[in-house]
PDB file of N, CA and C in Angstrom:
ATOM      1  N   MET A   1      -8.410   0.870  -8.142  1.00  0.00           N
ATOM      2  CA  MET A   1      -7.393   0.605  -7.327  1.00  0.00           C
ATOM      3  C   MET A   1      -7.153  -0.674  -6.676  1.00  0.00           C
ATOM      4  N   THR A   2      -5.991  -1.239  -6.576  1.00  0.00           N
ATOM      5  CA  THR A   2      -5.951  -2.571  -5.884  1.00  0.00           C
ATOM      6  C   THR A   2      -5.200  -2.424  -4.920  1.00  0.00           C
ATOM      7  N   SER A   3      -5.269  -3.482  -3.666  1.00  0.00           N
ATOM      8  CA  SER A   3      -3.984  -3.770  -2.598  1.00  0.00           C
ATOM      9  C   SER A   3      -4.400  -5.073  -2.364  1.00  0.00           C
ATOM     10  N   PHE A   4      -2.846  -5.601  -2.903  1.00  0.00           N
ATOM     11  CA  PHE A   4      -3.092  -7.137  -1.896  1.00  0.00           C
ATOM     12  C   PHE A   4      -2.733  -6.947  -1.119  1.00  0.00           C
ATOM     13  N   THR A   5      -3.216  -7.752  -0.354  1.00  0.00           N
ATOM     14  CA  THR A   5      -2.648  -7.796   1.284  1.00  0.00           C
ATOM     15  C   THR A   5      -1.875  -9.065   1.816  1.00  0.00           C
ATOM     16  N   ASN A   6      -2.476 -10.165   2.426  1.00  0.00           N
ATOM     17  CA  ASN A   6      -2.267 -11.460   3.017  1.00  0.00           C
ATOM     18  C   ASN A   6      -1.742 -12.095   1.554  1.00  0.00           C
ATOM     19  N   GLU A   7      -2.365 -11.949   0.094  1.00  0.00           N
ATOM     20  CA  GLU A   7      -2.196 -13.171  -0.515  1.00  0.00           C
ATOM     21  C   GLU A   7      -0.540 -12.710  -1.114  1.00  0.00           C
ATOM     22  N   MET A   8      -0.260 -11.559  -1.179  1.00  0.00           N
ATOM     23  CA  MET A   8       1.632 -11.492  -1.535  1.00  0.00           C
ATOM     24  C   MET A   8       2.347 -11.786  -0.524  1.00  0.00           C
ATOM     25  N   LYS A   9       2.099 -12.246   0.769  1.00  0.00           N
ATOM     26  CA  LYS A   9       2.926 -12.586   1.876  1.00  0.00           C
ATOM     27  C   LYS A   9       3.688 -13.843   1.443  1.00  0.00           C
ATOM     28  N   TRP A  10       4.988 -13.910   2.423  1.00  0.00           N
ATOM     29  CA  TRP A  10       5.570 -15.303   2.719  1.00  0.00           C
ATOM     30  C   TRP A  10       4.359 -16.323   2.528  1.00  0.00           C
ATOM     31  N   TYR A  11       3.673 -16.092   3.901  1.00  0.00           N
ATOM     32  CA  TYR A  11       3.462 -17.816   4.152  1.00  0.00           C
ATOM     33  C   TYR A  11       2.028 -18.023   3.407  1.00  0.00           C
ATOM     34  N   SER A  12       1.305 -17.340   2.187  1.00  0.00           N
ATOM     35  CA  SER A  12       0.781 -17.070   1.954  1.00  0.00           C
ATOM     36  C   SER A  12       1.131 -17.979   0.365  1.00  0.00           C
ATOM     37  N   THR A  13       2.407 -17.730  -0.154  1.00  0.00           N
ATOM     38  CA  THR A  13       3.204 -17.878  -1.444  1.00  0.00           C
ATOM     39  C   THR A  13       3.835 -18.611  -1.214  1.00  0.00           C
ATOM     40  N   GLU A  14       4.389 -19.557  -0.209  1.00  0.00           N
ATOM     41  CA  GLU A  14       5.740 -20.456   0.066  1.00  0.00           C
ATOM     42  C   GLU A  14       5.612 -21.240  -0.894  1.00  0.00           C
ATOM     43  N   GLU A  15       4.342 -21.941  -1.220  1.00  0.00           N
ATOM     44  CA  GLU A  15       4.332 -23.343  -2.061  1.00  0.00           C
ATOM     45  C   GLU A  15       3.180 -23.219  -2.963  1.00  0.00           C
ATOM     46  N   ASN A  16       2.176 -22.069  -3.074  1.00  0.00           N
ATOM     47  CA  ASN A  16       1.200 -22.071  -4.124  1.00  0.00           C
ATOM     48  C   ASN A  16       0.951 -20.491  -4.579  1.00  0.00           C
ATOM     49  N   TYR A  17       1.088 -20.268  -5.763  1.00  0.00           N
ATOM     50  CA  TYR A  17       0.704 -18.941  -6.535  1.00  0.00           C
ATOM     51  C   TYR A  17      -0.559 -18.733  -6.832  1.00  0.00           C
ATOM     52  N   THR A  18      -1.418 -19.901  -6.734  1.00  0.00           N
ATOM     53  CA  THR A  18      -2.913 -20.031  -6.969  1.00  0.00           C
ATOM     54  C   THR A  18      -3.771 -18.515  -7.296  1.00  0.00           C
ATOM     55  N   ILE A  19      -3.464 -18.370  -5.990  1.00  0.00           N
ATOM     56  CA  ILE A  19      -4.906 -17.057  -5.674  1.00  0.00           C
ATOM     57  C   ILE A  19      -4.124 -15.998  -5.874  1.00  0.00           C
ATOM     58  N   PRO A  20      -2.779 -15.403  -5.500  1.00  0.00           N
ATOM     59  CA  PRO A  20      -1.954 -14.114  -6.266  1.00  0.00           C
ATOM     60  C   PRO A  20      -1.921 -14.001  -7.899  1.00  0.00           C
ATOM     61  N   ASP A  21      -1.709 -15.168  -8.440  1.00  0.00           N
ATOM     62  CA  ASP A  21      -1.706 -15.648  -9.994  1.00  0.00           C
ATOM     63  C   ASP A  21      -3.534 -14.688 -10.469  1.00  0.00           C
ATOM     64  N   ALA A  22      -3.972 -15.708  -9.769  1.00  0.00           N
ATOM     65  CA  ALA A  22      -5.674 -15.180 -10.426  1.00  0.00           C
ATOM     66  C   ALA A  22      -6.007 -14.122 -10.154  1.00  0.00           C
ATOM     67  N   MET A  23      -5.595 -13.304  -8.925  1.00  0.00           N
ATOM     68  CA  MET A  23      -5.420 -11.873  -8.488  1.00  0.00           C
ATOM     69  C   MET A  23      -5.167 -11.021  -9.555  1.00  0.00           C
ATOM     70  N   MET A  24      -4.043 -11.393  -9.964  1.00  0.00           N
ATOM     71  CA  MET A  24      -3.067 -10.448 -11.244  1.00  0.00           C
ATOM     72  C   MET A  24      -3.740 -10.674 -12.389  1.00  0.00           C
ATOM     73  N   LYS A  25      -4.095 -12.033 -12.359  1.00  0.00           N
ATOM     74  CA  LYS A  25      -4.971 -12.192 -13.973  1.00  0.00           C
ATOM     75  C   LYS A  25      -5.980 -10.916 -13.660  1.00  0.00           C
ATOM     76  N   PHE A  26      -7.001 -10.999 -12.979  1.00  0.00           N
ATOM     77  CA  PHE A  26      -7.975 -10.530 -12.703  1.00  0.00           C
ATOM     78  C   PHE A  26      -7.823  -8.795 -12.952  1.00  0.00           C
ATOM     79  N   THR A  27      -6.851  -8.340 -12.568  1.00  0.00           N
ATOM     80  CA  THR A  27      -6.515  -6.687 -12.176  1.00  0.00           C
ATOM     81  C   THR A  27      -6.222  -6.626 -13.869  1.00  0.00           C
ATOM     82  N   LYS A  28      -5.361  -7.370 -14.701  1.00  0.00           N
ATOM     83  CA  LYS A  28      -4.702  -6.956 -15.767  1.00  0.00           C
ATOM     84  C   LYS A  28      -5.891  -7.045 -16.715  1.00  0.00           C
ATOM     85  N   GLU A  29      -6.975  -8.151 -16.703  1.00  0.00           N
ATOM     86  CA  GLU A  29      -8.042  -8.053 -17.438  1.00  0.00           C
ATOM     87  C   GLU A  29      -9.052  -6.799 -17.418  1.00  0.00           C
ATOM     88  N   ASN A  30      -9.347  -6.302 -16.348  1.00  0.00           N
ATOM     89  CA  ASN A  30     -10.369  -5.512 -16.246  1.00  0.00           C
ATOM     90  C   ASN A  30      -9.485  -3.851 -15.911  1.00  0.00           C
ATOM     91  N   GLY A  31      -7.856  -4.210 -16.611  1.00  0.00           N
ATOM     92  CA  GLY A  31      -7.733  -2.426 -16.350  1.00  0.00           C
ATOM     93  C   GLY A  31      -7.482  -1.744 -15.038  1.00  0.00           C
ATOM     94  N   ILE A  32      -7.332  -2.759 -13.709  1.00  0.00           N
ATOM     95  CA  ILE A  32      -7.170  -2.452 -12.333  1.00  0.00           C
ATOM     96  C   ILE A  32      -5.752  -2.346 -12.224  1.00  0.00           C
ATOM     97  N   SER A  33      -5.040  -1.220 -11.397  1.00  0.00           N
ATOM     98  CA  SER A  33      -3.661  -1.022 -11.081  1.00  0.00           C
ATOM     99  C   SER A  33      -3.373  -0.399  -9.950  1.00  0.00           C
ATOM    100  N   ASP A  34      -2.246  -0.092  -9.206  1.00  0.00           N
ATOM    101  CA  ASP A  34      -1.775   1.021  -8.218  1.00  0.00           C
ATOM    102  C   ASP A  34      -1.847   2.109  -9.261  1.00  0.00           C
ATOM    103  N   ASN A  35      -2.271   3.645  -8.281  1.00  0.00           N
ATOM    104  CA  ASN A  35      -2.561   4.308  -9.408  1.00  0.00           C
ATOM    105  C   ASN A  35      -1.727   5.659  -8.521  1.00  0.00           C
ATOM    106  N   PRO A  36      -0.659   6.098  -9.231  1.00  0.00           N
ATOM    107  CA  PRO A  36       0.278   7.177  -8.385  1.00  0.00           C
ATOM    108  C   PRO A  36      -0.560   8.341  -8.316  1.00  0.00           C
ATOM    109  N   LYS A  37      -2.067   8.511  -9.136  1.00  0.00           N
ATOM    110  CA  LYS A  37      -2.721   9.509  -8.495  1.00  0.00           C
ATOM    111  C   LYS A  37      -3.549  10.079  -7.465  1.00  0.00           C
ATOM    112  N   GLN A  38      -3.276   8.709  -6.240  1.00  0.00           N
ATOM    113  CA  GLN A  38      -3.772   8.462  -5.517  1.00  0.00           C
ATOM    114  C   GLN A  38      -2.699   9.491  -4.472  1.00  0.00           C
ATOM    115  N   GLN A  39      -2.090   9.885  -4.834  1.00  0.00           N
ATOM    116  CA  GLN A  39      -1.172  10.585  -3.891  1.00  0.00           C
ATOM    117  C   GLN A  39      -1.411  11.788  -4.220  1.00  0.00           C
ATOM    118  N   PRO A  40      -1.054  12.930  -3.223  1.00  0.00           N
ATOM    119  CA  PRO A  40      -1.091  14.309  -3.128  1.00  0.00           C
ATOM    120  C   PRO A  40      -0.388  14.720  -4.270  1.00  0.00           C
ATOM    121  N   GLU A  41      -0.392  15.713  -4.856  1.00  0.00           N
ATOM    122  CA  GLU A  41       0.712  16.034  -5.552  1.00  0.00           C
ATOM    123  C   GLU A  41       2.282  16.845  -4.782  1.00  0.00           C
ATOM    124  N   TRP A  42       2.166  17.320  -3.735  1.00  0.00           N
ATOM    125  CA  TRP A  42       2.980  17.894  -2.918  1.00  0.00           C
ATOM    126  C   TRP A  42       3.962  16.624  -2.433  1.00  0.00           C
ATOM    127  N   VAL A  43       3.321  15.565  -2.383  1.00  0.00           N
ATOM    128  CA  VAL A  43       4.078  14.109  -1.740  1.00  0.00           C
ATOM    129  C   VAL A  43       4.896  14.040  -2.946  1.00  0.00           C
ATOM    130  N   LYS A  44       4.829  13.949  -3.906  1.00  0.00           N
ATOM    131  CA  LYS A  44       5.415  13.546  -5.029  1.00  0.00           C
ATOM    132  C   LYS A  44       7.007  14.515  -5.346  1.00  0.00           C
ATOM    133  N   THR A  45       6.934  15.285  -4.602  1.00  0.00           N
ATOM    134  CA  THR A  45       8.133  16.315  -5.039  1.00  0.00           C
ATOM    135  C   THR A  45       9.018  16.332  -3.698  1.00  0.00           C
ATOM    136  N   LEU A  46       8.758  15.560  -2.533  1.00  0.00           N
ATOM    137  CA  LEU A  46       9.779  15.535  -1.474  1.00  0.00           C
ATOM    138  C   LEU A  46      10.603  14.478  -1.607  1.00  0.00           C
ATOM    139  N   SER A  47      11.983  14.604  -1.063  1.00  0.00           N
ATOM    140  CA  SER A  47      12.619  13.852  -1.103  1.00  0.00           C
ATOM    141  C   SER A  47      12.714  12.592  -0.385  1.00  0.00           C
ATOM    142  N   SER A  48      13.598  11.474  -0.701  1.00  0.00           N
ATOM    143  CA  SER A  48      13.362  10.341   0.418  1.00  0.00           C
ATOM    144  C   SER A  48      13.110  10.753   1.616  1.00  0.00           C
ATOM    145  N   GLU A  49      13.840  11.323   2.296  1.00  0.00           N
ATOM    146  CA  GLU A  49      14.017  11.849   3.766  1.00  0.00           C
ATOM    147  C   GLU A  49      13.181  12.783   3.976  1.00  0.00           C
ATOM    148  N   LYS A  50      12.680  13.701   3.534  1.00  0.00           N
ATOM    149  CA  LYS A  50      11.517  14.150   3.751  1.00  0.00           C
ATOM    150  C   LYS A  50       9.935  13.686   3.460  1.00  0.00           C
ATOM    151  N   SER A  51      10.092  12.418   2.544  1.00  0.00           N
ATOM    152  CA  SER A  51       8.855  11.461   2.648  1.00  0.00           C
ATOM    153  C   SER A  51       8.609  10.309   3.465  1.00  0.00           C
ATOM    154  N   GLY A  52       9.776  10.139   4.307  1.00  0.00           N
ATOM    155  CA  GLY A  52       9.707   9.355   5.250  1.00  0.00           C
ATOM    156  C   GLY A  52       9.199  10.525   6.503  1.00  0.00           C
ATOM    157  N   GLU A  53       9.541  11.314   6.575  1.00  0.00           N
ATOM    158  CA  GLU A  53       8.740  11.757   7.942  1.00  0.00           C
ATOM    159  C   GLU A  53       7.427  12.309   7.547  1.00  0.00           C
ATOM    160  N   ALA A  54       7.002  12.344   6.507  1.00  0.00           N
ATOM    161  CA  ALA A  54       5.562  13.034   5.821  1.00  0.00           C
ATOM    162  C   ALA A  54       4.944  11.986   6.311  1.00  0.00           C
ATOM    163  N   ALA A  55       5.566  10.460   6.077  1.00  0.00           N
ATOM    164  CA  ALA A  55       4.864   9.495   6.331  1.00  0.00           C
ATOM    165  C   ALA A  55       4.489   8.876   7.535  1.00  0.00           C
ATOM    166  N   ALA A  56       5.372   9.291   8.423  1.00  0.00           N
ATOM    167  CA  ALA A  56       5.662   8.835   9.677  1.00  0.00           C
ATOM    168  C   ALA A  56       4.539  10.354  10.367  1.00  0.00           C
ATOM    169  N   GLU A  57       4.503  11.217   9.956  1.00  0.00           N
ATOM    170  CA  GLU A  57       3.666  11.983  10.695  1.00  0.00           C
ATOM    171  C   GLU A  57       1.956  11.920  10.202  1.00  0.00           C
ATOM    172  N   SER A  58       1.978  11.351   8.869  1.00  0.00           N
ATOM    173  CA  SER A  58       0.353  11.099   8.242  1.00  0.00           C
ATOM    174  C   SER A  58      -0.201   9.940   9.510  1.00  0.00           C
ATOM    175  N   MET A  59       0.813   8.964   9.261  1.00  0.00           N
ATOM    176  CA  MET A  59       0.712   7.615  10.059  1.00  0.00           C
ATOM    177  C   MET A  59      -0.099   8.043  11.328  1.00  0.00           C
ATOM    178  N   LYS A  60       1.210   8.676  12.435  1.00  0.00           N
ATOM    179  CA  LYS A  60       0.894   9.190  13.487  1.00  0.00           C
ATOM    180  C   LYS A  60      -0.826  10.010  13.697  1.00  0.00           C
ATOM    181  N   SER A  61      -1.036  10.756  12.572  1.00  0.00           N
ATOM    182  CA  SER A  61      -2.111  11.356  12.897  1.00  0.00           C
ATOM    183  C   SER A  61      -3.245  10.528  12.998  1.00  0.00           C
ATOM    184  N   VAL A  62      -3.420   9.903  12.164  1.00  0.00           N
ATOM    185  CA  VAL A  62      -4.602   8.845  11.678  1.00  0.00           C
ATOM    186  C   VAL A  62      -4.455   7.651  12.835  1.00  0.00           C
ATOM    187  N   VAL A  63      -3.569   6.880  13.417  1.00  0.00           N
ATOM    188  CA  VAL A  63      -3.340   6.429  14.343  1.00  0.00           C
ATOM    189  C   VAL A  63      -3.655   6.718  15.564  1.00  0.00           C
ATOM    190  N   SER A  64      -3.434   8.108  16.062  1.00  0.00           N
ATOM    191  CA  SER A  64      -3.901   8.820  17.255  1.00  0.00           C
ATOM    192  C   SER A  64      -5.546   9.204  17.217  1.00  0.00           C
ATOM    193  N   ARG A  65      -5.651   9.653  16.057  1.00  0.00           N
ATOM    194  CA  ARG A  65      -7.419   9.827  15.979  1.00  0.00           C
ATOM    195  C   ARG A  65      -8.033   8.579  15.906  1.00  0.00           C
ATOM    196  N   TYR A  66      -7.553   7.386  15.653  1.00  0.00           N
ATOM    197  CA  TYR A  66      -8.466   6.330  15.726  1.00  0.00           C
ATOM    198  C   TYR A  66      -8.058   5.182  16.718  1.00  0.00           C
ATOM    199  N   LYS A  67      -7.716   5.712  17.655  1.00  0.00           N
ATOM    200  CA  LYS A  67      -6.657   4.829  18.495  1.00  0.00           C
ATOM    201  C   LYS A  67      -7.854   4.343  19.548  1.00  0.00           C
ATOM    202  N   GLY A  68      -7.680   3.243  19.466  1.00  0.00           N
ATOM    203  CA  GLY A  68      -8.860   2.195  20.419  1.00  0.00           C
ATOM    204  C   GLY A  68      -9.949   1.769  19.434  1.00  0.00           C
ATOM    205  N   GLU A  69     -10.109   2.478  18.080  1.00  0.00           N
ATOM    206  CA  GLU A  69     -11.508   1.711  17.585  1.00  0.00           C
ATOM    207  C   GLU A  69     -11.227   1.057  16.514  1.00  0.00           C
ATOM    208  N   LEU A  70      -9.851   0.534  16.301  1.00  0.00           N
ATOM    209  CA  LEU A  70      -9.395  -0.813  15.323  1.00  0.00           C
ATOM    210  C   LEU A  70      -8.840  -1.594  16.111  1.00  0.00           C
ATOM    211  N   ILE A  71      -8.574  -3.014  15.700  1.00  0.00           N
ATOM    212  CA  ILE A  71      -7.571  -3.644  15.839  1.00  0.00           C
ATOM    213  C   ILE A  71      -6.787  -3.914  15.708  1.00  0.00           C
ATOM    214  N   ALA A  72      -6.307  -3.354  13.834  1.00  0.00           N
ATOM    215  CA  ALA A  72      -5.183  -3.475  13.273  1.00  0.00           C
ATOM    216  C   ALA A  72      -5.064  -2.401  12.147  1.00  0.00           C
ATOM    217  N   TRP A  73      -3.787  -2.294  11.659  1.00  0.00           N
ATOM    218  CA  TRP A  73      -3.526  -1.216  10.340  1.00  0.00           C
ATOM    219  C   TRP A  73      -2.720  -2.275   9.854  1.00  0.00           C
ATOM    220  N   ASP A  74      -2.966  -1.760   8.252  1.00  0.00           N
ATOM    221  CA  ASP A  74      -2.060  -2.183   7.189  1.00  0.00           C
ATOM    222  C   ASP A  74      -1.687  -0.935   6.697  1.00  0.00           C
ATOM    223  N   VAL A  75      -0.282  -0.549   6.824  1.00  0.00           N
ATOM    224  CA  VAL A  75       0.476   0.887   6.214  1.00  0.00           C
ATOM    225  C   VAL A  75       0.811   0.575   4.783  1.00  0.00           C
ATOM    226  N   MET A  76       0.300   1.122   3.785  1.00  0.00           N
ATOM    227  CA  MET A  76       0.891   0.950   2.776  1.00  0.00           C
ATOM    228  C   MET A  76       1.696   1.719   2.240  1.00  0.00           C
ATOM    229  N   ASN A  77       3.046   1.717   2.610  1.00  0.00           N
ATOM    230  CA  ASN A  77       3.999   2.944   2.352  1.00  0.00           C
ATOM    231  C   ASN A  77       5.345   2.385   1.100  1.00  0.00           C
ATOM    232  N   GLU A  78       5.344   1.418   0.971  1.00  0.00           N
ATOM    233  CA  GLU A  78       6.289   0.926  -0.059  1.00  0.00           C
ATOM    234  C   GLU A  78       6.154   1.755  -2.064  1.00  0.00           C
ATOM    235  N   ASN A  79       4.793   2.380  -1.872  1.00  0.00           N
ATOM    236  CA  ASN A  79       4.623   3.271  -2.994  1.00  0.00           C
ATOM    237  C   ASN A  79       4.728   4.378  -3.136  1.00  0.00           C
ATOM    238  N   ILE A  80       5.033   5.189  -1.937  1.00  0.00           N
ATOM    239  CA  ILE A  80       5.057   6.660  -2.061  1.00  0.00           C
ATOM    240  C   ILE A  80       5.055   7.523  -2.907  1.00  0.00           C
ATOM    241  N   HIS A  81       6.116   7.266  -3.569  1.00  0.00           N
ATOM    242  CA  HIS A  81       6.493   7.660  -4.945  1.00  0.00           C
ATOM    243  C   HIS A  81       6.125   6.644  -5.960  1.00  0.00           C
ATOM    244  N   PHE A  82       5.413   6.169  -5.930  1.00  0.00           N
ATOM    245  CA  PHE A  82       5.272   5.032  -7.167  1.00  0.00           C
ATOM    246  C   PHE A  82       6.435   4.342  -7.308  1.00  0.00           C
ATOM    247  N   HIS A  83       7.148   3.989  -7.033  1.00  0.00           N
ATOM    248  CA  HIS A  83       8.399   2.662  -7.299  1.00  0.00           C
ATOM    249  C   HIS A  83       8.842   1.916  -6.248  1.00  0.00           C
ATOM    250  N   PHE A  84       9.103   0.743  -6.101  1.00  0.00           N
ATOM    251  CA  PHE A  84       9.048  -0.383  -5.371  1.00  0.00           C
ATOM    252  C   PHE A  84      10.366  -0.751  -4.766  1.00  0.00           C
TER     253      PHE A  84
END
């Protein structure tokens, strides 16, 4: 499974796609992709409204548990149902 973070953000790709292009090439050549199987099965059955509520509750739970122990969070919520 892969997760591109800063490499796909605007400030990284404004004039040069060399790094994200190389990363995409590498993932394709090595059979790496986002994997819908990484989501719990019950999440896939939720409506958009309910999935948003579940995601918010999950984030709240994790953030409160580790509050003060990390300097940043990167929440990937775009593919909760494996569509973008």
